[in-house]
Amino acid sequence: RQANAGVSAARNAGVSATTSPLVAVLDGDDAFE
């Protein structure tokens, strides 16, 4: 959770918090096949 800072800031915060060598991104209103 973070204060509202926009989708780019949220994406960057998420990528920084990952531990896998492989990372994908997905907007919350989309879905993967």
PDB file of all heavy atoms in Angstrom:
ATOM      1  N   ARG A   1       0.840  -1.203   0.000  1.00  0.00           N
ATOM      2  CA  ARG A   1       0.000   0.000   0.000  1.00  0.00           C
ATOM      3  C   ARG A   1       0.874   1.252   0.000  1.00  0.00           C
ATOM      4  O   ARG A   1       1.908   1.281   0.663  1.00  0.00           O
ATOM      5  CB  ARG A   1      -0.915  -0.006   1.205  1.00  0.00           C
ATOM      6  CG  ARG A   1      -1.886  -1.181   1.190  1.00  0.00           C
ATOM      7  CD  ARG A   1      -2.770  -1.185   2.417  1.00  0.00           C
ATOM      8  NE  ARG A   1      -3.480  -2.440   2.559  1.00  0.00           N
ATOM      9  CZ  ARG A   1      -4.607  -2.751   1.945  1.00  0.00           C
ATOM     10  NH1 ARG A   1      -5.166  -1.878   1.134  1.00  0.00           N
ATOM     11  NH2 ARG A   1      -5.185  -3.923   2.133  1.00  0.00           N
ATOM     12  N   GLN A   2       0.432   2.249  -0.768  1.00  0.00           N
ATOM     13  CA  GLN A   2       1.135   3.528  -0.799  1.00  0.00           C
ATOM     14  C   GLN A   2       0.120   4.643  -0.980  1.00  0.00           C
ATOM     15  O   GLN A   2      -0.997   4.408  -1.442  1.00  0.00           O
ATOM     16  CB  GLN A   2       2.171   3.563  -1.921  1.00  0.00           C
ATOM     17  CG  GLN A   2       1.572   3.568  -3.312  1.00  0.00           C
ATOM     18  CD  GLN A   2       2.634   3.702  -4.396  1.00  0.00           C
ATOM     19  OE1 GLN A   2       3.743   3.226  -4.241  1.00  0.00           O
ATOM     20  NE2 GLN A   2       2.287   4.368  -5.477  1.00  0.00           N
ATOM     21  N   ALA A   3       0.510   5.847  -0.618  1.00  0.00           N
ATOM     22  CA  ALA A   3      -0.325   7.021  -0.893  1.00  0.00           C
ATOM     23  C   ALA A   3      -0.425   7.183  -2.402  1.00  0.00           C
ATOM     24  O   ALA A   3       0.488   6.823  -3.136  1.00  0.00           O
ATOM     25  CB  ALA A   3       0.288   8.263  -0.258  1.00  0.00           C
ATOM     26  N   ASN A   4      -1.537   7.733  -2.852  1.00  0.00           N
ATOM     27  CA  ASN A   4      -1.751   7.896  -4.291  1.00  0.00           C
ATOM     28  C   ASN A   4      -0.639   8.734  -4.915  1.00  0.00           C
ATOM     29  O   ASN A   4      -0.421   9.878  -4.534  1.00  0.00           O
ATOM     30  CB  ASN A   4      -3.113   8.543  -4.544  1.00  0.00           C
ATOM     31  CG  ASN A   4      -3.410   8.635  -6.022  1.00  0.00           C
ATOM     32  OD1 ASN A   4      -3.188   9.668  -6.613  1.00  0.00           O
ATOM     33  ND2 ASN A   4      -3.890   7.558  -6.604  1.00  0.00           N
ATOM     34  N   ALA A   5       0.064   8.107  -5.859  1.00  0.00           N
ATOM     35  CA  ALA A   5       1.173   8.779  -6.538  1.00  0.00           C
ATOM     36  C   ALA A   5       1.145   8.530  -8.040  1.00  0.00           C
ATOM     37  O   ALA A   5       2.049   8.948  -8.745  1.00  0.00           O
ATOM     38  CB  ALA A   5       2.501   8.311  -5.950  1.00  0.00           C
ATOM     39  N   GLY A   6       0.130   7.805  -8.519  1.00  0.00           N
ATOM     40  CA  GLY A   6       0.013   7.523  -9.944  1.00  0.00           C
ATOM     41  C   GLY A   6       0.503   6.133 -10.304  1.00  0.00           C
ATOM     42  O   GLY A   6       1.269   5.510  -9.571  1.00  0.00           O
ATOM     43  N   VAL A   7       0.056   5.677 -11.459  1.00  0.00           N
ATOM     44  CA  VAL A   7       0.329   4.302 -11.873  1.00  0.00           C
ATOM     45  C   VAL A   7       1.820   4.044 -12.078  1.00  0.00           C
ATOM     46  O   VAL A   7       2.316   2.961 -11.740  1.00  0.00           O
ATOM     47  CB  VAL A   7      -0.503   3.922 -13.125  1.00  0.00           C
ATOM     48  CG1 VAL A   7      -0.054   4.692 -14.352  1.00  0.00           C
ATOM     49  CG2 VAL A   7      -0.453   2.425 -13.384  1.00  0.00           C
ATOM     50  N   SER A   8       2.551   5.004 -12.597  1.00  0.00           N
ATOM     51  CA  SER A   8       3.991   4.786 -12.815  1.00  0.00           C
ATOM     52  C   SER A   8       4.733   4.605 -11.494  1.00  0.00           C
ATOM     53  O   SER A   8       5.581   3.712 -11.368  1.00  0.00           O
ATOM     54  CB  SER A   8       4.598   5.943 -13.609  1.00  0.00           C
ATOM     55  OG  SER A   8       4.057   5.988 -14.904  1.00  0.00           O
ATOM     56  N   ALA A   9       4.425   5.434 -10.516  1.00  0.00           N
ATOM     57  CA  ALA A   9       5.051   5.308  -9.201  1.00  0.00           C
ATOM     58  C   ALA A   9       4.665   3.986  -8.545  1.00  0.00           C
ATOM     59  O   ALA A   9       5.506   3.330  -7.910  1.00  0.00           O
ATOM     60  CB  ALA A   9       4.662   6.481  -8.310  1.00  0.00           C
ATOM     61  N   ALA A  10       3.411   3.578  -8.701  1.00  0.00           N
ATOM     62  CA  ALA A  10       2.965   2.304  -8.134  1.00  0.00           C
ATOM     63  C   ALA A  10       3.701   1.136  -8.799  1.00  0.00           C
ATOM     64  O   ALA A  10       4.162   0.207  -8.123  1.00  0.00           O
ATOM     65  CB  ALA A  10       1.458   2.151  -8.305  1.00  0.00           C
ATOM     66  N   ARG A  11       3.819   1.189 -10.103  1.00  0.00           N
ATOM     67  CA  ARG A  11       4.522   0.124 -10.828  1.00  0.00           C
ATOM     68  C   ARG A  11       5.991   0.055 -10.386  1.00  0.00           C
ATOM     69  O   ARG A  11       6.526  -1.018 -10.127  1.00  0.00           O
ATOM     70  CB  ARG A  11       4.414   0.350 -12.331  1.00  0.00           C
ATOM     71  CG  ARG A  11       4.948  -0.790 -13.163  1.00  0.00           C
ATOM     72  CD  ARG A  11       4.662  -0.606 -14.636  1.00  0.00           C
ATOM     73  NE  ARG A  11       3.218  -0.681 -14.878  1.00  0.00           N
ATOM     74  CZ  ARG A  11       2.507   0.292 -15.424  1.00  0.00           C
ATOM     75  NH1 ARG A  11       3.070   1.417 -15.799  1.00  0.00           N
ATOM     76  NH2 ARG A  11       1.204   0.135 -15.608  1.00  0.00           N
ATOM     77  N   ASN A  12       6.635   1.207 -10.288  1.00  0.00           N
ATOM     78  CA  ASN A  12       8.037   1.236  -9.867  1.00  0.00           C
ATOM     79  C   ASN A  12       8.210   0.703  -8.446  1.00  0.00           C
ATOM     80  O   ASN A  12       9.159  -0.035  -8.168  1.00  0.00           O
ATOM     81  CB  ASN A  12       8.601   2.655  -9.975  1.00  0.00           C
ATOM     82  CG  ASN A  12       8.781   3.095 -11.411  1.00  0.00           C
ATOM     83  OD1 ASN A  12       8.855   2.284 -12.330  1.00  0.00           O
ATOM     84  ND2 ASN A  12       8.840   4.399 -11.618  1.00  0.00           N
ATOM     85  N   ALA A  13       7.307   1.072  -7.548  1.00  0.00           N
ATOM     86  CA  ALA A  13       7.372   0.571  -6.175  1.00  0.00           C
ATOM     87  C   ALA A  13       7.217  -0.944  -6.154  1.00  0.00           C
ATOM     88  O   ALA A  13       7.909  -1.643  -5.408  1.00  0.00           O
ATOM     89  CB  ALA A  13       6.295   1.231  -5.314  1.00  0.00           C
ATOM     90  N   GLY A  14       6.310  -1.451  -6.971  1.00  0.00           N
ATOM     91  CA  GLY A  14       6.104  -2.892  -7.032  1.00  0.00           C
ATOM     92  C   GLY A  14       7.309  -3.630  -7.566  1.00  0.00           C
ATOM     93  O   GLY A  14       7.737  -4.642  -6.999  1.00  0.00           O
ATOM     94  N   VAL A  15       7.867  -3.137  -8.659  1.00  0.00           N
ATOM     95  CA  VAL A  15       9.053  -3.787  -9.230  1.00  0.00           C
ATOM     96  C   VAL A  15      10.194  -3.781  -8.219  1.00  0.00           C
ATOM     97  O   VAL A  15      10.905  -4.775  -8.061  1.00  0.00           O
ATOM     98  CB  VAL A  15       9.456  -3.121 -10.565  1.00  0.00           C
ATOM     99  CG1 VAL A  15      10.810  -3.631 -11.037  1.00  0.00           C
ATOM    100  CG2 VAL A  15       8.392  -3.375 -11.632  1.00  0.00           C
ATOM    101  N   SER A  16      10.353  -2.684  -7.487  1.00  0.00           N
ATOM    102  CA  SER A  16      11.403  -2.604  -6.467  1.00  0.00           C
ATOM    103  C   SER A  16      11.193  -3.606  -5.337  1.00  0.00           C
ATOM    104  O   SER A  16      12.152  -4.014  -4.689  1.00  0.00           O
ATOM    105  CB  SER A  16      11.466  -1.189  -5.878  1.00  0.00           C
ATOM    106  OG  SER A  16      11.902  -0.274  -6.860  1.00  0.00           O
ATOM    107  N   ALA A  17       9.952  -4.007  -5.107  1.00  0.00           N
ATOM    108  CA  ALA A  17       9.634  -4.932  -4.008  1.00  0.00           C
ATOM    109  C   ALA A  17       9.659  -6.401  -4.420  1.00  0.00           C
ATOM    110  O   ALA A  17       9.430  -7.271  -3.595  1.00  0.00           O
ATOM    111  CB  ALA A  17       8.260  -4.580  -3.432  1.00  0.00           C
ATOM    112  N   THR A  18       9.932  -6.687  -5.688  1.00  0.00           N
ATOM    113  CA  THR A  18       9.948  -8.080  -6.140  1.00  0.00           C
ATOM    114  C   THR A  18      11.282  -8.737  -5.819  1.00  0.00           C
ATOM    115  O   THR A  18      12.288  -8.068  -5.570  1.00  0.00           O
ATOM    116  CB  THR A  18       9.684  -8.188  -7.655  1.00  0.00           C
ATOM    117  OG1 THR A  18      10.727  -7.507  -8.356  1.00  0.00           O
ATOM    118  CG2 THR A  18       8.324  -7.615  -8.021  1.00  0.00           C
ATOM    119  N   THR A  19      11.275 -10.056  -5.843  1.00  0.00           N
ATOM    120  CA  THR A  19      12.495 -10.814  -5.578  1.00  0.00           C
ATOM    121  C   THR A  19      12.865 -11.751  -6.721  1.00  0.00           C
ATOM    122  O   THR A  19      13.967 -12.266  -6.751  1.00  0.00           O
ATOM    123  CB  THR A  19      12.338 -11.643  -4.287  1.00  0.00           C
ATOM    124  OG1 THR A  19      11.205 -12.498  -4.412  1.00  0.00           O
ATOM    125  CG2 THR A  19      12.166 -10.733  -3.073  1.00  0.00           C
ATOM    126  N   SER A  20      11.983 -11.970  -7.645  1.00  0.00           N
ATOM    127  CA  SER A  20      12.245 -12.861  -8.766  1.00  0.00           C
ATOM    128  C   SER A  20      13.120 -12.164  -9.810  1.00  0.00           C
ATOM    129  O   SER A  20      13.014 -10.951 -10.000  1.00  0.00           O
ATOM    130  CB  SER A  20      10.921 -13.279  -9.419  1.00  0.00           C
ATOM    131  OG  SER A  20      11.173 -14.057 -10.578  1.00  0.00           O
ATOM    132  N   PRO A  21      13.942 -12.927 -10.525  1.00  0.00           N
ATOM    133  CA  PRO A  21      14.704 -12.320 -11.621  1.00  0.00           C
ATOM    134  C   PRO A  21      13.820 -11.992 -12.825  1.00  0.00           C
ATOM    135  O   PRO A  21      14.244 -11.288 -13.731  1.00  0.00           O
ATOM    136  CB  PRO A  21      15.749 -13.379 -11.968  1.00  0.00           C
ATOM    137  CG  PRO A  21      15.152 -14.665 -11.520  1.00  0.00           C
ATOM    138  CD  PRO A  21      14.297 -14.327 -10.326  1.00  0.00           C
ATOM    139  N   LEU A  22      12.594 -12.497 -12.819  1.00  0.00           N
ATOM    140  CA  LEU A  22      11.653 -12.241 -13.907  1.00  0.00           C
ATOM    141  C   LEU A  22      10.426 -11.534 -13.353  1.00  0.00           C
ATOM    142  O   LEU A  22       9.797 -12.004 -12.411  1.00  0.00           O
ATOM    143  CB  LEU A  22      11.233 -13.551 -14.574  1.00  0.00           C
ATOM    144  CG  LEU A  22      12.364 -14.362 -15.212  1.00  0.00           C
ATOM    145  CD1 LEU A  22      11.836 -15.704 -15.688  1.00  0.00           C
ATOM    146  CD2 LEU A  22      12.992 -13.594 -16.357  1.00  0.00           C
ATOM    147  N   VAL A  23      10.084 -10.379 -13.964  1.00  0.00           N
ATOM    148  CA  VAL A  23       8.957  -9.584 -13.496  1.00  0.00           C
ATOM    149  C   VAL A  23       8.098  -9.186 -14.689  1.00  0.00           C
ATOM    150  O   VAL A  23       8.619  -8.767 -15.727  1.00  0.00           O
ATOM    151  CB  VAL A  23       9.433  -8.308 -12.761  1.00  0.00           C
ATOM    152  CG1 VAL A  23       8.250  -7.463 -12.314  1.00  0.00           C
ATOM    153  CG2 VAL A  23      10.318  -8.666 -11.580  1.00  0.00           C
ATOM    154  N   ALA A  24       6.800  -9.310 -14.532  1.00  0.00           N
ATOM    155  CA  ALA A  24       5.838  -8.820 -15.526  1.00  0.00           C
ATOM    156  C   ALA A  24       4.966  -7.785 -14.829  1.00  0.00           C
ATOM    157  O   ALA A  24       4.870  -7.763 -13.594  1.00  0.00           O
ATOM    158  CB  ALA A  24       4.984  -9.962 -16.066  1.00  0.00           C
ATOM    159  N   VAL A  25       4.335  -6.927 -15.608  1.00  0.00           N
ATOM    160  CA  VAL A  25       3.438  -5.923 -15.039  1.00  0.00           C
ATOM    161  C   VAL A  25       2.055  -6.071 -15.660  1.00  0.00           C
ATOM    162  O   VAL A  25       1.909  -6.506 -16.805  1.00  0.00           O
ATOM    163  CB  VAL A  25       3.969  -4.488 -15.233  1.00  0.00           C
ATOM    164  CG1 VAL A  25       5.263  -4.289 -14.480  1.00  0.00           C
ATOM    165  CG2 VAL A  25       4.163  -4.165 -16.696  1.00  0.00           C
ATOM    166  N   LEU A  26       1.047  -5.719 -14.876  1.00  0.00           N
ATOM    167  CA  LEU A  26      -0.339  -5.843 -15.303  1.00  0.00           C
ATOM    168  C   LEU A  26      -1.140  -4.728 -14.650  1.00  0.00           C
ATOM    169  O   LEU A  26      -1.020  -4.506 -13.438  1.00  0.00           O
ATOM    170  CB  LEU A  26      -0.898  -7.217 -14.879  1.00  0.00           C
ATOM    171  CG  LEU A  26      -2.339  -7.546 -15.205  1.00  0.00           C
ATOM    172  CD1 LEU A  26      -2.557  -7.615 -16.718  1.00  0.00           C
ATOM    173  CD2 LEU A  26      -2.736  -8.863 -14.551  1.00  0.00           C
ATOM    174  N   ASP A  27      -1.934  -4.031 -15.434  1.00  0.00           N
ATOM    175  CA  ASP A  27      -2.837  -3.034 -14.863  1.00  0.00           C
ATOM    176  C   ASP A  27      -3.994  -3.750 -14.179  1.00  0.00           C
ATOM    177  O   ASP A  27      -4.430  -4.809 -14.625  1.00  0.00           O
ATOM    178  CB  ASP A  27      -3.373  -2.097 -15.946  1.00  0.00           C
ATOM    179  CG  ASP A  27      -2.305  -1.182 -16.513  1.00  0.00           C
ATOM    180  OD1 ASP A  27      -1.302  -0.917 -15.810  1.00  0.00           O
ATOM    181  OD2 ASP A  27      -2.457  -0.725 -17.660  1.00  0.00           O
ATOM    182  N   GLY A  28      -4.502  -3.164 -13.119  1.00  0.00           N
ATOM    183  CA  GLY A  28      -5.544  -3.789 -12.317  1.00  0.00           C
ATOM    184  C   GLY A  28      -6.868  -3.985 -13.019  1.00  0.00           C
ATOM    185  O   GLY A  28      -7.718  -4.734 -12.543  1.00  0.00           O
ATOM    186  N   ASP A  29      -7.066  -3.346 -14.164  1.00  0.00           N
ATOM    187  CA  ASP A  29      -8.315  -3.533 -14.902  1.00  0.00           C
ATOM    188  C   ASP A  29      -8.119  -4.434 -16.124  1.00  0.00           C
ATOM    189  O   ASP A  29      -8.962  -4.479 -17.009  1.00  0.00           O
ATOM    190  CB  ASP A  29      -8.926  -2.184 -15.307  1.00  0.00           C
ATOM    191  CG  ASP A  29      -8.008  -1.356 -16.199  1.00  0.00           C
ATOM    192  OD1 ASP A  29      -6.821  -1.726 -16.363  1.00  0.00           O
ATOM    193  OD2 ASP A  29      -8.472  -0.333 -16.714  1.00  0.00           O
ATOM    194  N   ASP A  30      -7.000  -5.148 -16.147  1.00  0.00           N
ATOM    195  CA  ASP A  30      -6.719  -6.084 -17.241  1.00  0.00           C
ATOM    196  C   ASP A  30      -6.563  -7.491 -16.675  1.00  0.00           C
ATOM    197  O   ASP A  30      -6.537  -7.684 -15.466  1.00  0.00           O
ATOM    198  CB  ASP A  30      -5.420  -5.689 -17.962  1.00  0.00           C
ATOM    199  CG  ASP A  30      -5.573  -4.405 -18.765  1.00  0.00           C
ATOM    200  OD1 ASP A  30      -6.683  -4.143 -19.253  1.00  0.00           O
ATOM    201  OD2 ASP A  30      -4.573  -3.675 -18.895  1.00  0.00           O
ATOM    202  N   ALA A  31      -6.419  -8.462 -17.567  1.00  0.00           N
ATOM    203  CA  ALA A  31      -6.216  -9.851 -17.151  1.00  0.00           C
ATOM    204  C   ALA A  31      -5.354 -10.537 -18.200  1.00  0.00           C
ATOM    205  O   ALA A  31      -5.381 -10.183 -19.380  1.00  0.00           O
ATOM    206  CB  ALA A  31      -7.549 -10.578 -17.022  1.00  0.00           C
ATOM    207  N   PHE A  32      -4.569 -11.515 -17.751  1.00  0.00           N
ATOM    208  CA  PHE A  32      -3.750 -12.322 -18.633  1.00  0.00           C
ATOM    209  C   PHE A  32      -4.540 -13.530 -19.124  1.00  0.00           C
ATOM    210  O   PHE A  32      -5.339 -14.101 -18.360  1.00  0.00           O
ATOM    211  CB  PHE A  32      -2.530 -12.875 -17.897  1.00  0.00           C
ATOM    212  CG  PHE A  32      -1.434 -11.888 -17.604  1.00  0.00           C
ATOM    213  CD1 PHE A  32      -0.607 -12.090 -16.514  1.00  0.00           C
ATOM    214  CD2 PHE A  32      -1.194 -10.789 -18.398  1.00  0.00           C
ATOM    215  CE1 PHE A  32       0.438 -11.228 -16.234  1.00  0.00           C
ATOM    216  CE2 PHE A  32      -0.166  -9.906 -18.125  1.00  0.00           C
ATOM    217  CZ  PHE A  32       0.661 -10.128 -17.037  1.00  0.00           C
ATOM    218  N   GLU A  33      -4.289 -13.936 -20.349  1.00  0.00           N
ATOM    219  CA  GLU A  33      -4.754 -15.240 -20.831  1.00  0.00           C
ATOM    220  C   GLU A  33      -3.918 -16.279 -20.079  1.00  0.00           C
ATOM    221  O   GLU A  33      -2.785 -16.001 -19.677  1.00  0.00           O
ATOM    222  CB  GLU A  33      -4.549 -15.376 -22.339  1.00  0.00           C
ATOM    223  CG  GLU A  33      -5.456 -14.483 -23.153  1.00  0.00           C
ATOM    224  CD  GLU A  33      -6.929 -14.878 -23.058  1.00  0.00           C
ATOM    225  OE1 GLU A  33      -7.216 -16.087 -22.961  1.00  0.00           O
ATOM    226  OE2 GLU A  33      -7.786 -13.984 -23.049  1.00  0.00           O
TER     227      GLU A  33
END
